[in-house]
Amino acid sequence: MFDRPVSKAKRWLRDASARMALRYVNLGVVNRSLMRSHDKAVSKHRDKLPELSGFDLEIVEGLRREGIFKTSLAALGVPGWEKLLKEGQALGASFAHDARQKSAQGTDYTMVSPDAVAAHPEIFTWGLHERFLDIVEAYLGVSAAYDGVTLMYTVAGAPVEGPRRWHLDWEDRRTIKIAIYCNDVSPDGGPFQIIARRDPVQGGAGGYHYLLADDALLGERLGADYAEDLVSCEGPAGTVLFVETAEYFHRGKPAVNADRVAFFYSYFSQRPRHPFFCERSGLSRSQIFRLAKSLNPRQRASALWRNGLPLWLLLIPPAGL
């Protein structure tokens, strides 16, 4: 699936089950039932939430206020960050030729092979550090699921498609990504961008509906002056972004004069509203099971979140990348 781009017709057929499931959960009676269940889960979990302070509390407050918090690996100080950065840089360099070739062939998502990432277990397990699970859980209000990690390679001059267009992520009501730049990212080097205004239309009684946004739609949804709250995240290698990607429109700004290499760690609730739009890392379930096998119970539950889903959801194949 990573060797050649999939045609639009084949992609539509491949993802038909997931899109039908989205229509079903958006039906009025089903949507209301899901809203009630989620509200009960948040209320029930309130006394179990981790109590944050200091820097980690600042991260959560930034997410609640603007949908983004910017820092650095050094400032976070999570063990193993130096090795993580070096491995990301090495994997990116070894993938550069293939990434440019794939981009030229029309591939929207140019990402380092999941097999190459899985060959470095510390890359995967770094995202399951207890601090990250605490931060995500405190923000979501329920136990955090970990959907793994991708190493994205953005090619300079690539068409403005896929993640380079304004969009909302599909996995859940709220979704957290932790992005880490493996190289210096300038204004023309494909920085992550977010509009720090929640989409007032998405969710609630109206359900969830997804589309790529242009200026007209952004103005309609967020106000004609939405560009005043556009945040463009340039920074040196080691820059870290905590971002809410389900409630805020975001994109990777098209890279012009330099390629960009960045890790994206993904989190949502352990009962995501749309599990058929999860599993975005490309890692197989057997790979994730092996990578999580030696971890503590909380970390395993986060990585193996699918085990807690009802049978009917397990029967729906996830949409492709």
C-alpha atoms as a PDB file:
ATOM      1  CA  MET A   1       0.000   0.000   0.000  1.00  0.00           C
ATOM      2  CA  PHE A   2       3.035   2.269   0.288  1.00  0.00           C
ATOM      3  CA  ASP A   3       4.490   1.442  -3.130  1.00  0.00           C
ATOM      4  CA  ARG A   4       2.095   3.244  -5.438  1.00  0.00           C
ATOM      5  CA  PRO A   5      -0.703   5.827  -5.179  1.00  0.00           C
ATOM      6  CA  VAL A   6      -4.262   4.495  -5.008  1.00  0.00           C
ATOM      7  CA  SER A   7      -6.718   5.842  -7.584  1.00  0.00           C
ATOM      8  CA  LYS A   8      -9.691   7.860  -6.340  1.00  0.00           C
ATOM      9  CA  ALA A   9     -12.110   5.148  -7.480  1.00  0.00           C
ATOM     10  CA  LYS A  10     -10.211   2.384  -5.672  1.00  0.00           C
ATOM     11  CA  ARG A  11      -9.884   4.551  -2.562  1.00  0.00           C
ATOM     12  CA  TRP A  12     -13.636   5.168  -2.548  1.00  0.00           C
ATOM     13  CA  LEU A  13     -14.408   1.446  -2.815  1.00  0.00           C
ATOM     14  CA  ARG A  14     -11.812   0.536  -0.192  1.00  0.00           C
ATOM     15  CA  ASP A  15     -13.230   3.041   2.294  1.00  0.00           C
ATOM     16  CA  ALA A  16     -16.937   2.460   1.546  1.00  0.00           C
ATOM     17  CA  SER A  17     -17.607   0.530   4.766  1.00  0.00           C
ATOM     18  CA  ALA A  18     -16.043   3.226   6.926  1.00  0.00           C
ATOM     19  CA  ARG A  19     -18.026   5.965   5.195  1.00  0.00           C
ATOM     20  CA  MET A  20     -21.263   4.017   5.586  1.00  0.00           C
ATOM     21  CA  ALA A  21     -20.479   3.592   9.287  1.00  0.00           C
ATOM     22  CA  LEU A  22     -19.947   7.358   9.590  1.00  0.00           C
ATOM     23  CA  ARG A  23     -23.373   7.982   8.071  1.00  0.00           C
ATOM     24  CA  TYR A  24     -24.915   5.516  10.516  1.00  0.00           C
ATOM     25  CA  VAL A  25     -23.386   7.073  13.651  1.00  0.00           C
ATOM     26  CA  ASN A  26     -24.510  10.505  12.418  1.00  0.00           C
ATOM     27  CA  LEU A  27     -28.170   9.442  12.367  1.00  0.00           C
ATOM     28  CA  GLY A  28     -30.073  11.532  14.895  1.00  0.00           C
ATOM     29  CA  VAL A  29     -31.026   8.788  17.349  1.00  0.00           C
ATOM     30  CA  VAL A  30     -27.589   7.110  17.137  1.00  0.00           C
ATOM     31  CA  ASN A  31     -25.717  10.392  17.480  1.00  0.00           C
ATOM     32  CA  ARG A  32     -27.747  11.366  20.545  1.00  0.00           C
ATOM     33  CA  SER A  33     -27.089   7.979  22.130  1.00  0.00           C
ATOM     34  CA  LEU A  34     -23.343   8.334  21.501  1.00  0.00           C
ATOM     35  CA  MET A  35     -23.371  11.832  22.990  1.00  0.00           C
ATOM     36  CA  ARG A  36     -25.091  10.590  26.158  1.00  0.00           C
ATOM     37  CA  SER A  37     -22.700   7.654  26.489  1.00  0.00           C
ATOM     38  CA  HIS A  38     -19.672   9.891  26.094  1.00  0.00           C
ATOM     39  CA  ASP A  39     -20.983  12.435  28.617  1.00  0.00           C
ATOM     40  CA  LYS A  40     -21.519   9.612  31.126  1.00  0.00           C
ATOM     41  CA  ALA A  41     -18.007   8.271  30.509  1.00  0.00           C
ATOM     42  CA  VAL A  42     -16.478  11.723  31.103  1.00  0.00           C
ATOM     43  CA  SER A  43     -18.511  12.180  34.295  1.00  0.00           C
ATOM     44  CA  LYS A  44     -17.609   8.711  35.581  1.00  0.00           C
ATOM     45  CA  HIS A  45     -13.894   9.260  34.907  1.00  0.00           C
ATOM     46  CA  ARG A  46     -13.673  12.726  36.461  1.00  0.00           C
ATOM     47  CA  ASP A  47     -12.361  11.516  39.820  1.00  0.00           C
ATOM     48  CA  LYS A  48      -9.735   9.354  38.121  1.00  0.00           C
ATOM     49  CA  LEU A  49      -8.105  12.125  36.083  1.00  0.00           C
ATOM     50  CA  PRO A  50      -4.401  12.765  36.690  1.00  0.00           C
ATOM     51  CA  GLU A  51      -3.665  15.947  38.623  1.00  0.00           C
ATOM     52  CA  LEU A  52      -1.250  18.017  36.567  1.00  0.00           C
ATOM     53  CA  SER A  53       0.854  20.968  37.621  1.00  0.00           C
ATOM     54  CA  GLY A  54       3.620  23.135  36.254  1.00  0.00           C
ATOM     55  CA  PHE A  55       4.675  22.690  32.633  1.00  0.00           C
ATOM     56  CA  ASP A  56       2.308  19.809  31.864  1.00  0.00           C
ATOM     57  CA  LEU A  57      -0.677  21.810  33.118  1.00  0.00           C
ATOM     58  CA  GLU A  58       0.409  24.700  30.873  1.00  0.00           C
ATOM     59  CA  ILE A  59       0.290  22.325  27.894  1.00  0.00           C
ATOM     60  CA  VAL A  60      -3.282  21.266  28.660  1.00  0.00           C
ATOM     61  CA  GLU A  61      -4.381  24.851  29.246  1.00  0.00           C
ATOM     62  CA  GLY A  62      -2.849  25.874  25.919  1.00  0.00           C
ATOM     63  CA  LEU A  63      -4.737  23.092  24.159  1.00  0.00           C
ATOM     64  CA  ARG A  64      -8.005  24.152  25.785  1.00  0.00           C
ATOM     65  CA  ARG A  65      -7.463  27.814  24.988  1.00  0.00           C
ATOM     66  CA  GLU A  66      -5.996  27.763  21.464  1.00  0.00           C
ATOM     67  CA  GLY A  67      -5.711  24.157  20.358  1.00  0.00           C
ATOM     68  CA  ILE A  68      -1.914  24.266  20.334  1.00  0.00           C
ATOM     69  CA  PHE A  69       1.105  24.441  22.608  1.00  0.00           C
ATOM     70  CA  LYS A  70       4.630  24.847  21.259  1.00  0.00           C
ATOM     71  CA  THR A  71       7.761  23.737  23.085  1.00  0.00           C
ATOM     72  CA  SER A  72      10.918  21.681  22.443  1.00  0.00           C
ATOM     73  CA  LEU A  73      12.303  18.241  23.169  1.00  0.00           C
ATOM     74  CA  ALA A  74      14.926  19.747  25.447  1.00  0.00           C
ATOM     75  CA  ALA A  75      12.320  21.694  27.438  1.00  0.00           C
ATOM     76  CA  LEU A  76      10.120  18.617  27.822  1.00  0.00           C
ATOM     77  CA  GLY A  77      13.055  16.523  28.928  1.00  0.00           C
ATOM     78  CA  VAL A  78      11.354  13.163  28.346  1.00  0.00           C
ATOM     79  CA  PRO A  79      14.130  10.514  28.498  1.00  0.00           C
ATOM     80  CA  GLY A  80      15.456   9.314  25.156  1.00  0.00           C
ATOM     81  CA  TRP A  81      14.687  12.486  23.230  1.00  0.00           C
ATOM     82  CA  GLU A  82      18.240  12.920  21.887  1.00  0.00           C
ATOM     83  CA  LYS A  83      18.227   9.411  20.393  1.00  0.00           C
ATOM     84  CA  LEU A  84      14.709   9.899  19.053  1.00  0.00           C
ATOM     85  CA  LEU A  85      15.741  13.017  17.167  1.00  0.00           C
ATOM     86  CA  LYS A  86      18.854  11.382  15.695  1.00  0.00           C
ATOM     87  CA  GLU A  87      16.889   8.330  14.567  1.00  0.00           C
ATOM     88  CA  GLY A  88      14.237  10.519  12.946  1.00  0.00           C
ATOM     89  CA  GLN A  89      16.896  12.450  11.075  1.00  0.00           C
ATOM     90  CA  ALA A  90      18.634   9.268   9.915  1.00  0.00           C
ATOM     91  CA  LEU A  91      15.389   7.615   8.772  1.00  0.00           C
ATOM     92  CA  GLY A  92      14.360  10.795   6.971  1.00  0.00           C
ATOM     93  CA  ALA A  93      17.675  11.045   5.147  1.00  0.00           C
ATOM     94  CA  SER A  94      17.520   7.407   4.028  1.00  0.00           C
ATOM     95  CA  PHE A  95      13.948   7.911   2.760  1.00  0.00           C
ATOM     96  CA  ALA A  96      14.536  11.226   0.954  1.00  0.00           C
ATOM     97  CA  HIS A  97      15.020   9.778  -2.538  1.00  0.00           C
ATOM     98  CA  ASP A  98      11.978   7.492  -2.284  1.00  0.00           C
ATOM     99  CA  ALA A  99       9.848  10.313  -0.858  1.00  0.00           C
ATOM    100  CA  ARG A 100      10.619  12.597  -3.789  1.00  0.00           C
ATOM    101  CA  GLN A 101       9.964   9.794  -6.237  1.00  0.00           C
ATOM    102  CA  LYS A 102       6.624   8.906  -4.629  1.00  0.00           C
ATOM    103  CA  SER A 103       5.591  12.556  -4.512  1.00  0.00           C
ATOM    104  CA  ALA A 104       6.374  12.921  -8.210  1.00  0.00           C
ATOM    105  CA  GLN A 105       4.122   9.901  -8.858  1.00  0.00           C
ATOM    106  CA  GLY A 106       1.201  11.596  -7.090  1.00  0.00           C
ATOM    107  CA  THR A 107       1.340  10.156  -3.555  1.00  0.00           C
ATOM    108  CA  ASP A 108      -0.305  12.577  -1.092  1.00  0.00           C
ATOM    109  CA  TYR A 109       1.155  11.023   2.066  1.00  0.00           C
ATOM    110  CA  THR A 110       4.892  10.441   1.851  1.00  0.00           C
ATOM    111  CA  MET A 111       5.819   8.656   5.053  1.00  0.00           C
ATOM    112  CA  VAL A 112       8.726   6.514   6.100  1.00  0.00           C
ATOM    113  CA  SER A 113       7.806   2.828   5.897  1.00  0.00           C
ATOM    114  CA  PRO A 114       6.088   1.618   9.095  1.00  0.00           C
ATOM    115  CA  ASP A 115       8.427  -1.395   8.983  1.00  0.00           C
ATOM    116  CA  ALA A 116      11.413   0.945   9.207  1.00  0.00           C
ATOM    117  CA  VAL A 117       9.830   2.728  12.170  1.00  0.00           C
ATOM    118  CA  ALA A 118       8.949  -0.573  13.883  1.00  0.00           C
ATOM    119  CA  ALA A 119      12.599  -1.619  13.587  1.00  0.00           C
ATOM    120  CA  HIS A 120      13.285   1.076  16.214  1.00  0.00           C
ATOM    121  CA  PRO A 121      10.935   0.107  19.089  1.00  0.00           C
ATOM    122  CA  GLU A 122      12.035   3.082  21.179  1.00  0.00           C
ATOM    123  CA  ILE A 123      10.422   5.418  18.622  1.00  0.00           C
ATOM    124  CA  PHE A 124       7.039   3.778  19.190  1.00  0.00           C
ATOM    125  CA  THR A 125       7.314   3.381  22.961  1.00  0.00           C
ATOM    126  CA  TRP A 126       8.517   6.963  23.481  1.00  0.00           C
ATOM    127  CA  GLY A 127       4.990   8.110  22.682  1.00  0.00           C
ATOM    128  CA  LEU A 128       3.648   6.011  25.560  1.00  0.00           C
ATOM    129  CA  HIS A 129       5.581   7.834  28.256  1.00  0.00           C
ATOM    130  CA  GLU A 130       3.385   8.311  31.325  1.00  0.00           C
ATOM    131  CA  ARG A 131       3.633  12.109  31.053  1.00  0.00           C
ATOM    132  CA  PHE A 132       2.094  12.060  27.596  1.00  0.00           C
ATOM    133  CA  LEU A 133      -0.711   9.739  28.675  1.00  0.00           C
ATOM    134  CA  ASP A 134      -1.397  12.025  31.660  1.00  0.00           C
ATOM    135  CA  ILE A 135      -1.488  15.139  29.479  1.00  0.00           C
ATOM    136  CA  VAL A 136      -3.823  13.590  26.897  1.00  0.00           C
ATOM    137  CA  GLU A 137      -6.092  12.041  29.533  1.00  0.00           C
ATOM    138  CA  ALA A 138      -6.364  15.343  31.421  1.00  0.00           C
ATOM    139  CA  TYR A 139      -7.341  17.084  28.187  1.00  0.00           C
ATOM    140  CA  LEU A 140      -9.788  14.453  26.904  1.00  0.00           C
ATOM    141  CA  GLY A 141     -11.429  13.708  30.245  1.00  0.00           C
ATOM    142  CA  VAL A 142     -11.220   9.937  29.644  1.00  0.00           C
ATOM    143  CA  SER A 143      -8.475   7.323  29.301  1.00  0.00           C
ATOM    144  CA  ALA A 144      -6.131   7.938  26.387  1.00  0.00           C
ATOM    145  CA  ALA A 145      -5.668   5.651  23.401  1.00  0.00           C
ATOM    146  CA  TYR A 146      -2.386   5.740  21.495  1.00  0.00           C
ATOM    147  CA  ASP A 147      -2.620   5.295  17.728  1.00  0.00           C
ATOM    148  CA  GLY A 148       1.104   5.058  17.148  1.00  0.00           C
ATOM    149  CA  VAL A 149       3.548   7.225  15.267  1.00  0.00           C
ATOM    150  CA  THR A 150       4.284   8.195  11.682  1.00  0.00           C
ATOM    151  CA  LEU A 151       7.407   9.822  10.314  1.00  0.00           C
ATOM    152  CA  MET A 152       6.101  12.144   7.629  1.00  0.00           C
ATOM    153  CA  TYR A 153       8.325  13.426   4.837  1.00  0.00           C
ATOM    154  CA  THR A 154       6.970  16.577   3.157  1.00  0.00           C
ATOM    155  CA  VAL A 155       8.565  17.154  -0.239  1.00  0.00           C
ATOM    156  CA  ALA A 156       9.244  20.722  -1.351  1.00  0.00           C
ATOM    157  CA  GLY A 157       7.111  21.598  -4.361  1.00  0.00           C
ATOM    158  CA  ALA A 158       4.606  18.760  -3.803  1.00  0.00           C
ATOM    159  CA  PRO A 159       1.026  19.424  -4.973  1.00  0.00           C
ATOM    160  CA  VAL A 160      -1.300  21.115  -2.471  1.00  0.00           C
ATOM    161  CA  GLU A 161      -3.279  17.977  -1.662  1.00  0.00           C
ATOM    162  CA  GLY A 162      -4.130  15.761   1.307  1.00  0.00           C
ATOM    163  CA  PRO A 163      -2.587  17.010   4.574  1.00  0.00           C
ATOM    164  CA  ARG A 164      -1.419  20.219   2.882  1.00  0.00           C
ATOM    165  CA  ARG A 165      -5.025  21.427   2.619  1.00  0.00           C
ATOM    166  CA  TRP A 166      -7.059  22.739   5.552  1.00  0.00           C
ATOM    167  CA  HIS A 167      -8.911  19.911   7.287  1.00  0.00           C
ATOM    168  CA  LEU A 168     -10.110  18.388  10.558  1.00  0.00           C
ATOM    169  CA  ASP A 169      -9.014  14.926  11.676  1.00  0.00           C
ATOM    170  CA  TRP A 170     -11.613  12.176  11.564  1.00  0.00           C
ATOM    171  CA  GLU A 171     -10.783   9.761  14.380  1.00  0.00           C
ATOM    172  CA  ASP A 172     -12.691  11.116  17.369  1.00  0.00           C
ATOM    173  CA  ARG A 173     -14.458  14.062  18.986  1.00  0.00           C
ATOM    174  CA  ARG A 174     -11.080  15.273  20.195  1.00  0.00           C
ATOM    175  CA  THR A 175      -7.731  14.145  18.835  1.00  0.00           C
ATOM    176  CA  ILE A 176      -4.260  15.103  20.018  1.00  0.00           C
ATOM    177  CA  LYS A 177      -1.165  14.984  17.845  1.00  0.00           C
ATOM    178  CA  ILE A 178       2.354  15.528  19.124  1.00  0.00           C
ATOM    179  CA  ALA A 179       4.485  16.737  16.219  1.00  0.00           C
ATOM    180  CA  ILE A 180       8.284  16.801  16.397  1.00  0.00           C
ATOM    181  CA  TYR A 181      10.397  18.500  13.743  1.00  0.00           C
ATOM    182  CA  CYS A 182      13.475  16.490  12.784  1.00  0.00           C
ATOM    183  CA  ASN A 183      14.945  19.360  10.761  1.00  0.00           C
ATOM    184  CA  ASP A 184      14.856  23.140  10.931  1.00  0.00           C
ATOM    185  CA  VAL A 185      11.535  24.375   9.512  1.00  0.00           C
ATOM    186  CA  SER A 186      11.361  27.878   8.009  1.00  0.00           C
ATOM    187  CA  PRO A 187       8.232  29.736   6.809  1.00  0.00           C
ATOM    188  CA  ASP A 188       8.802  28.226   3.356  1.00  0.00           C
ATOM    189  CA  GLY A 189       9.791  24.793   4.666  1.00  0.00           C
ATOM    190  CA  GLY A 190       6.346  23.332   5.285  1.00  0.00           C
ATOM    191  CA  PRO A 191       5.518  24.434   8.845  1.00  0.00           C
ATOM    192  CA  PHE A 192       2.476  23.018  10.609  1.00  0.00           C
ATOM    193  CA  GLN A 193      -0.333  25.590  10.659  1.00  0.00           C
ATOM    194  CA  ILE A 194      -3.511  25.803  12.698  1.00  0.00           C
ATOM    195  CA  ILE A 195      -6.355  28.317  12.926  1.00  0.00           C
ATOM    196  CA  ALA A 196      -6.825  28.894  16.651  1.00  0.00           C
ATOM    197  CA  ARG A 197     -10.630  28.998  16.507  1.00  0.00           C
ATOM    198  CA  ARG A 198     -12.746  25.946  17.216  1.00  0.00           C
ATOM    199  CA  ASP A 199     -15.017  24.905  14.390  1.00  0.00           C
ATOM    200  CA  PRO A 200     -18.494  25.737  15.814  1.00  0.00           C
ATOM    201  CA  VAL A 201     -20.295  23.522  13.298  1.00  0.00           C
ATOM    202  CA  GLN A 202     -18.617  20.181  13.930  1.00  0.00           C
ATOM    203  CA  GLY A 203     -20.112  17.801  16.486  1.00  0.00           C
ATOM    204  CA  GLY A 204     -23.115  18.171  18.758  1.00  0.00           C
ATOM    205  CA  ALA A 205     -26.597  17.487  17.462  1.00  0.00           C
ATOM    206  CA  GLY A 206     -25.446  17.956  13.876  1.00  0.00           C
ATOM    207  CA  GLY A 207     -22.976  15.084  14.000  1.00  0.00           C
ATOM    208  CA  TYR A 208     -19.635  14.995  12.233  1.00  0.00           C
ATOM    209  CA  HIS A 209     -19.041  15.865   8.582  1.00  0.00           C
ATOM    210  CA  TYR A 210     -15.627  16.113   6.960  1.00  0.00           C
ATOM    211  CA  LEU A 211     -14.312  17.972   3.959  1.00  0.00           C
ATOM    212  CA  LEU A 212     -11.250  19.821   2.803  1.00  0.00           C
ATOM    213  CA  ALA A 213     -11.673  23.551   3.356  1.00  0.00           C
ATOM    214  CA  ASP A 214     -10.903  26.519   1.124  1.00  0.00           C
ATOM    215  CA  ASP A 215     -10.933  30.223   2.044  1.00  0.00           C
ATOM    216  CA  ALA A 216     -14.678  30.538   1.461  1.00  0.00           C
ATOM    217  CA  LEU A 217     -15.555  27.654   3.770  1.00  0.00           C
ATOM    218  CA  LEU A 218     -13.133  28.818   6.470  1.00  0.00           C
ATOM    219  CA  GLY A 219     -14.685  32.277   6.342  1.00  0.00           C
ATOM    220  CA  GLU A 220     -18.177  30.814   6.579  1.00  0.00           C
ATOM    221  CA  ARG A 221     -17.322  28.532   9.501  1.00  0.00           C
ATOM    222  CA  LEU A 222     -14.873  30.664  11.478  1.00  0.00           C
ATOM    223  CA  GLY A 223     -15.591  34.263  10.446  1.00  0.00           C
ATOM    224  CA  ALA A 224     -14.250  36.468   7.688  1.00  0.00           C
ATOM    225  CA  ASP A 225     -11.305  37.500   9.867  1.00  0.00           C
ATOM    226  CA  TYR A 226     -10.188  33.912  10.602  1.00  0.00           C
ATOM    227  CA  ALA A 227      -6.685  34.612   9.244  1.00  0.00           C
ATOM    228  CA  GLU A 228      -6.027  36.798  12.299  1.00  0.00           C
ATOM    229  CA  ASP A 229      -5.844  33.576  14.344  1.00  0.00           C
ATOM    230  CA  LEU A 230      -3.700  31.600  11.903  1.00  0.00           C
ATOM    231  CA  VAL A 231      -0.700  30.173  13.783  1.00  0.00           C
ATOM    232  CA  SER A 232       2.295  29.103  11.691  1.00  0.00           C
ATOM    233  CA  CYS A 233       4.773  26.960  13.609  1.00  0.00           C
ATOM    234  CA  GLU A 234       8.287  27.481  12.343  1.00  0.00           C
ATOM    235  CA  GLY A 235      11.158  26.251  14.476  1.00  0.00           C
ATOM    236  CA  PRO A 236      14.479  24.427  14.723  1.00  0.00           C
ATOM    237  CA  ALA A 237      14.952  20.666  14.795  1.00  0.00           C
ATOM    238  CA  GLY A 238      13.538  19.378  18.063  1.00  0.00           C
ATOM    239  CA  THR A 239      10.535  21.724  18.052  1.00  0.00           C
ATOM    240  CA  VAL A 240       7.501  20.000  19.620  1.00  0.00           C
ATOM    241  CA  LEU A 241       3.854  20.855  18.970  1.00  0.00           C
ATOM    242  CA  PHE A 242       0.917  19.568  21.013  1.00  0.00           C
ATOM    243  CA  VAL A 243      -2.132  20.147  18.808  1.00  0.00           C
ATOM    244  CA  GLU A 244      -5.879  19.475  18.887  1.00  0.00           C
ATOM    245  CA  THR A 245      -6.594  18.313  15.340  1.00  0.00           C
ATOM    246  CA  ALA A 246     -10.282  17.292  15.505  1.00  0.00           C
ATOM    247  CA  GLU A 247     -11.712  20.664  16.563  1.00  0.00           C
ATOM    248  CA  TYR A 248      -9.356  23.064  14.789  1.00  0.00           C
ATOM    249  CA  PHE A 249      -8.651  23.372  11.085  1.00  0.00           C
ATOM    250  CA  HIS A 250      -5.000  22.689  10.380  1.00  0.00           C
ATOM    251  CA  ARG A 251      -2.615  21.737   7.616  1.00  0.00           C
ATOM    252  CA  GLY A 252       1.007  21.317   6.700  1.00  0.00           C
ATOM    253  CA  LYS A 253       1.817  24.499   4.792  1.00  0.00           C
ATOM    254  CA  PRO A 254       3.119  23.514   1.337  1.00  0.00           C
ATOM    255  CA  ALA A 255       6.916  23.353   1.440  1.00  0.00           C
ATOM    256  CA  VAL A 256       8.631  25.542  -1.153  1.00  0.00           C
ATOM    257  CA  ASN A 257      12.374  25.655  -0.607  1.00  0.00           C
ATOM    258  CA  ALA A 258      13.121  22.708   1.691  1.00  0.00           C
ATOM    259  CA  ASP A 259      11.742  19.292   2.584  1.00  0.00           C
ATOM    260  CA  ARG A 260      10.333  18.724   6.085  1.00  0.00           C
ATOM    261  CA  VAL A 261      10.690  15.599   8.216  1.00  0.00           C
ATOM    262  CA  ALA A 262       8.491  15.284  11.311  1.00  0.00           C
ATOM    263  CA  PHE A 263       7.195  12.667  13.718  1.00  0.00           C
ATOM    264  CA  PHE A 264       3.463  12.680  14.425  1.00  0.00           C
ATOM    265  CA  TYR A 265       2.290  10.829  17.539  1.00  0.00           C
ATOM    266  CA  SER A 266      -1.491  10.342  17.687  1.00  0.00           C
ATOM    267  CA  TYR A 267      -3.924  10.066  20.633  1.00  0.00           C
ATOM    268  CA  PHE A 268      -7.680   9.966  21.239  1.00  0.00           C
ATOM    269  CA  SER A 269     -10.099   8.304  23.667  1.00  0.00           C
ATOM    270  CA  GLN A 270     -10.082   4.540  24.188  1.00  0.00           C
ATOM    271  CA  ARG A 271     -13.625   4.477  22.807  1.00  0.00           C
ATOM    272  CA  PRO A 272     -13.195   6.775  19.797  1.00  0.00           C
ATOM    273  CA  ARG A 273     -16.332   7.837  18.004  1.00  0.00           C
ATOM    274  CA  HIS A 274     -14.933   6.738  14.640  1.00  0.00           C
ATOM    275  CA  PRO A 275     -12.578   3.753  15.160  1.00  0.00           C
ATOM    276  CA  PHE A 276     -13.000   2.928  11.471  1.00  0.00           C
ATOM    277  CA  PHE A 277     -11.028   6.110  10.713  1.00  0.00           C
ATOM    278  CA  CYS A 278      -8.255   5.294  13.194  1.00  0.00           C
ATOM    279  CA  GLU A 279      -5.135   3.122  12.828  1.00  0.00           C
ATOM    280  CA  ARG A 280      -3.383   5.788  10.771  1.00  0.00           C
ATOM    281  CA  SER A 281       0.234   4.902  11.523  1.00  0.00           C
ATOM    282  CA  GLY A 282       0.449   2.085   8.993  1.00  0.00           C
ATOM    283  CA  LEU A 283       1.777  -0.244  11.690  1.00  0.00           C
ATOM    284  CA  SER A 284       0.050  -3.623  11.642  1.00  0.00           C
ATOM    285  CA  ARG A 285      -1.877  -4.853  14.662  1.00  0.00           C
ATOM    286  CA  SER A 286       0.640  -7.646  15.150  1.00  0.00           C
ATOM    287  CA  GLN A 287       3.504  -5.119  15.116  1.00  0.00           C
ATOM    288  CA  ILE A 288       1.744  -2.966  17.711  1.00  0.00           C
ATOM    289  CA  PHE A 289       1.073  -6.018  19.888  1.00  0.00           C
ATOM    290  CA  ARG A 290       4.769  -6.951  19.819  1.00  0.00           C
ATOM    291  CA  LEU A 291       5.906  -3.386  20.497  1.00  0.00           C
ATOM    292  CA  ALA A 292       3.548  -3.043  23.465  1.00  0.00           C
ATOM    293  CA  LYS A 293       4.104  -6.511  24.911  1.00  0.00           C
ATOM    294  CA  SER A 294       6.725  -5.547  27.506  1.00  0.00           C
ATOM    295  CA  LEU A 295       5.057  -2.306  28.656  1.00  0.00           C
ATOM    296  CA  ASN A 296       3.050  -1.666  31.813  1.00  0.00           C
ATOM    297  CA  PRO A 297      -0.737  -2.330  31.914  1.00  0.00           C
ATOM    298  CA  ARG A 298      -1.726   1.293  31.348  1.00  0.00           C
ATOM    299  CA  GLN A 299       0.556   1.626  28.336  1.00  0.00           C
ATOM    300  CA  ARG A 300      -0.629  -1.676  26.844  1.00  0.00           C
ATOM    301  CA  ALA A 301      -4.277  -0.673  27.288  1.00  0.00           C
ATOM    302  CA  SER A 302      -3.531   2.591  25.494  1.00  0.00           C
ATOM    303  CA  ALA A 303      -1.720   0.947  22.568  1.00  0.00           C
ATOM    304  CA  LEU A 304      -4.187  -1.962  22.308  1.00  0.00           C
ATOM    305  CA  TRP A 305      -7.292   0.219  22.576  1.00  0.00           C
ATOM    306  CA  ARG A 306      -9.150  -1.801  19.905  1.00  0.00           C
ATOM    307  CA  ASN A 307      -9.524  -4.654  22.402  1.00  0.00           C
ATOM    308  CA  GLY A 308     -12.151  -2.611  24.252  1.00  0.00           C
ATOM    309  CA  LEU A 309     -14.420  -2.015  21.265  1.00  0.00           C
ATOM    310  CA  PRO A 310     -17.792  -3.773  20.821  1.00  0.00           C
ATOM    311  CA  LEU A 311     -17.879  -6.553  18.238  1.00  0.00           C
ATOM    312  CA  TRP A 312     -19.859  -4.650  15.601  1.00  0.00           C
ATOM    313  CA  LEU A 313     -17.193  -1.945  15.447  1.00  0.00           C
ATOM    314  CA  LEU A 314     -14.412  -4.518  15.229  1.00  0.00           C
ATOM    315  CA  LEU A 315     -16.067  -5.910  12.099  1.00  0.00           C
ATOM    316  CA  ILE A 316     -15.721  -2.627  10.166  1.00  0.00           C
ATOM    317  CA  PRO A 317     -12.357  -2.481   8.366  1.00  0.00           C
ATOM    318  CA  PRO A 318     -10.510   0.800   8.911  1.00  0.00           C
ATOM    319  CA  ALA A 319     -10.215   3.257   6.055  1.00  0.00           C
ATOM    320  CA  GLY A 320      -6.867   3.276   4.275  1.00  0.00           C
ATOM    321  CA  LEU A 321      -4.169   5.884   4.596  1.00  0.00           C
END
